[in-house]
N, C-alpha and C. Protein backbone atom coordinates (compact mmCIF):
# COMPACT_ATOMS: atom_id res chain seq x y z
N MET A 1 28.07 -5.45 16.04
CA MET A 1 28.07 -4.78 14.77
C MET A 1 27.02 -3.67 14.80
N ALA A 2 27.38 -2.47 14.42
CA ALA A 2 26.48 -1.33 14.41
C ALA A 2 25.61 -1.36 13.16
N SER A 3 24.34 -0.99 13.34
CA SER A 3 23.47 -0.94 12.17
C SER A 3 23.68 0.38 11.44
N ILE A 4 23.54 0.32 10.14
CA ILE A 4 23.70 1.51 9.31
C ILE A 4 22.31 1.99 8.92
N LYS A 5 22.02 3.25 9.20
CA LYS A 5 20.72 3.81 8.86
C LYS A 5 20.80 4.43 7.48
N THR A 6 19.95 3.93 6.59
CA THR A 6 19.91 4.47 5.24
C THR A 6 18.90 5.61 5.20
N PRO A 7 19.15 6.60 4.36
CA PRO A 7 18.21 7.72 4.29
C PRO A 7 16.86 7.29 3.74
N GLN A 8 15.81 7.92 4.22
CA GLN A 8 14.46 7.61 3.78
C GLN A 8 14.17 8.30 2.45
N PRO A 9 13.59 7.58 1.48
CA PRO A 9 13.25 8.21 0.21
C PRO A 9 12.22 9.33 0.43
N PRO A 10 12.31 10.42 -0.31
CA PRO A 10 11.36 11.53 -0.15
C PRO A 10 9.90 11.09 -0.31
N SER A 11 9.64 10.06 -1.13
CA SER A 11 8.27 9.60 -1.35
C SER A 11 7.66 8.98 -0.10
N ARG A 12 8.47 8.64 0.89
CA ARG A 12 7.96 8.05 2.14
C ARG A 12 7.91 9.06 3.29
N SER A 13 8.35 10.26 3.04
CA SER A 13 8.38 11.29 4.07
C SER A 13 6.97 11.56 4.60
N GLY A 14 6.80 11.51 5.91
CA GLY A 14 5.52 11.80 6.54
C GLY A 14 4.52 10.66 6.44
N LYS A 15 4.93 9.50 5.99
CA LYS A 15 4.02 8.37 5.82
C LYS A 15 4.38 7.25 6.78
N LYS A 16 3.40 6.42 7.10
CA LYS A 16 3.58 5.28 8.01
C LYS A 16 3.21 4.00 7.27
N PRO A 17 3.94 2.92 7.51
CA PRO A 17 3.58 1.65 6.86
C PRO A 17 2.32 1.04 7.48
N VAL A 18 1.57 0.33 6.63
CA VAL A 18 0.39 -0.41 7.06
C VAL A 18 0.60 -1.85 6.60
N THR A 19 0.46 -2.80 7.52
CA THR A 19 0.71 -4.20 7.19
C THR A 19 -0.56 -5.01 7.38
N ALA A 20 -0.82 -5.91 6.45
CA ALA A 20 -1.95 -6.83 6.57
C ALA A 20 -1.49 -8.20 6.14
N TYR A 21 -1.97 -9.20 6.82
CA TYR A 21 -1.67 -10.58 6.46
C TYR A 21 -2.89 -11.14 5.74
N VAL A 22 -2.69 -11.62 4.53
CA VAL A 22 -3.77 -12.18 3.73
C VAL A 22 -3.42 -13.59 3.29
N GLU A 23 -4.42 -14.32 2.86
CA GLU A 23 -4.21 -15.67 2.36
C GLU A 23 -3.29 -15.63 1.14
N LYS A 24 -2.57 -16.71 0.96
CA LYS A 24 -1.63 -16.81 -0.16
C LYS A 24 -2.34 -16.56 -1.49
N THR A 25 -3.54 -17.08 -1.64
CA THR A 25 -4.27 -16.90 -2.90
C THR A 25 -4.67 -15.44 -3.12
N ALA A 26 -5.00 -14.72 -2.06
CA ALA A 26 -5.33 -13.30 -2.18
C ALA A 26 -4.09 -12.50 -2.58
N HIS A 27 -2.96 -12.85 -2.01
CA HIS A 27 -1.71 -12.17 -2.36
C HIS A 27 -1.38 -12.40 -3.83
N LYS A 28 -1.53 -13.63 -4.27
CA LYS A 28 -1.25 -13.98 -5.66
C LYS A 28 -2.20 -13.22 -6.61
N GLN A 29 -3.48 -13.16 -6.22
CA GLN A 29 -4.46 -12.45 -7.04
C GLN A 29 -4.15 -10.96 -7.10
N LEU A 30 -3.76 -10.36 -5.99
CA LEU A 30 -3.40 -8.94 -5.98
C LEU A 30 -2.21 -8.68 -6.89
N ARG A 31 -1.21 -9.53 -6.78
CA ARG A 31 -0.01 -9.39 -7.62
C ARG A 31 -0.37 -9.52 -9.11
N SER A 32 -1.22 -10.48 -9.43
CA SER A 32 -1.64 -10.70 -10.81
C SER A 32 -2.44 -9.51 -11.34
N LEU A 33 -3.35 -9.00 -10.52
CA LEU A 33 -4.14 -7.84 -10.91
C LEU A 33 -3.23 -6.63 -11.16
N GLY A 34 -2.25 -6.45 -10.30
CA GLY A 34 -1.30 -5.35 -10.48
C GLY A 34 -0.57 -5.45 -11.80
N LEU A 35 -0.18 -6.65 -12.17
CA LEU A 35 0.48 -6.84 -13.46
C LEU A 35 -0.47 -6.52 -14.60
N ASP A 36 -1.72 -6.98 -14.50
CA ASP A 36 -2.72 -6.72 -15.54
C ASP A 36 -3.01 -5.22 -15.69
N LEU A 37 -3.06 -4.52 -14.57
CA LEU A 37 -3.39 -3.08 -14.58
C LEU A 37 -2.17 -2.18 -14.67
N ASP A 38 -0.99 -2.79 -14.62
CA ASP A 38 0.27 -2.04 -14.59
C ASP A 38 0.29 -1.07 -13.41
N LYS A 39 -0.11 -1.59 -12.24
CA LYS A 39 -0.12 -0.80 -11.00
C LYS A 39 0.64 -1.56 -9.93
N SER A 40 1.26 -0.82 -9.03
CA SER A 40 1.98 -1.43 -7.91
C SER A 40 0.99 -1.80 -6.81
N ASN A 41 1.42 -2.70 -5.92
CA ASN A 41 0.61 -3.02 -4.74
C ASN A 41 0.33 -1.75 -3.95
N GLN A 42 1.33 -0.90 -3.83
CA GLN A 42 1.18 0.37 -3.11
C GLN A 42 0.03 1.18 -3.71
N ASP A 43 0.02 1.35 -5.03
CA ASP A 43 -1.02 2.14 -5.68
C ASP A 43 -2.40 1.53 -5.47
N MET A 44 -2.50 0.21 -5.59
CA MET A 44 -3.81 -0.44 -5.44
C MET A 44 -4.30 -0.38 -4.01
N ILE A 45 -3.42 -0.53 -3.03
CA ILE A 45 -3.82 -0.49 -1.63
C ILE A 45 -4.24 0.92 -1.23
N VAL A 46 -3.53 1.92 -1.70
CA VAL A 46 -3.92 3.31 -1.41
C VAL A 46 -5.29 3.60 -2.03
N GLU A 47 -5.50 3.14 -3.26
CA GLU A 47 -6.80 3.33 -3.91
C GLU A 47 -7.91 2.64 -3.12
N ALA A 48 -7.66 1.43 -2.67
CA ALA A 48 -8.65 0.68 -1.89
C ALA A 48 -8.95 1.37 -0.56
N LEU A 49 -7.92 1.86 0.13
CA LEU A 49 -8.13 2.57 1.40
C LEU A 49 -8.96 3.83 1.18
N ASN A 50 -8.63 4.58 0.15
CA ASN A 50 -9.38 5.80 -0.13
C ASN A 50 -10.84 5.49 -0.46
N ASP A 51 -11.08 4.44 -1.24
CA ASP A 51 -12.46 4.03 -1.54
C ASP A 51 -13.20 3.65 -0.25
N TYR A 52 -12.53 2.93 0.64
CA TYR A 52 -13.13 2.52 1.91
C TYR A 52 -13.46 3.73 2.78
N PHE A 53 -12.52 4.66 2.87
CA PHE A 53 -12.77 5.89 3.64
C PHE A 53 -13.98 6.63 3.07
N SER A 54 -14.01 6.79 1.76
CA SER A 54 -15.10 7.51 1.10
C SER A 54 -16.45 6.83 1.34
N ARG A 55 -16.48 5.51 1.28
CA ARG A 55 -17.70 4.74 1.49
C ARG A 55 -18.25 4.97 2.90
N HIS A 56 -17.38 5.28 3.84
CA HIS A 56 -17.78 5.52 5.22
C HIS A 56 -17.87 7.02 5.55
N GLY A 57 -17.95 7.86 4.50
CA GLY A 57 -18.15 9.28 4.70
C GLY A 57 -16.93 10.03 5.20
N LEU A 58 -15.75 9.45 5.01
CA LEU A 58 -14.51 10.09 5.47
C LEU A 58 -13.74 10.65 4.27
N ASP A 59 -12.81 11.55 4.56
CA ASP A 59 -11.96 12.12 3.51
C ASP A 59 -11.02 11.07 2.97
N ARG A 60 -10.70 11.19 1.69
CA ARG A 60 -9.74 10.29 1.02
C ARG A 60 -8.34 10.79 1.33
N LEU A 61 -7.71 10.24 2.37
CA LEU A 61 -6.44 10.76 2.88
C LEU A 61 -5.23 9.89 2.57
N ALA A 62 -5.43 8.66 2.14
CA ALA A 62 -4.30 7.73 1.96
C ALA A 62 -3.41 8.15 0.80
């Protein structure tokens, strides 16, 4: 069976996925915080990466 390639959404153009494995409780807490803040995991992770970069004197590129 041949695989069907679906087009990439424009919002993902030029971007690469980043994967992290966290404890179940951390995942649950992140999901809960996102609901409380009305933010997606994507938005919170990008914000966290940018804060981390900035803390280490790097440009906020995420």
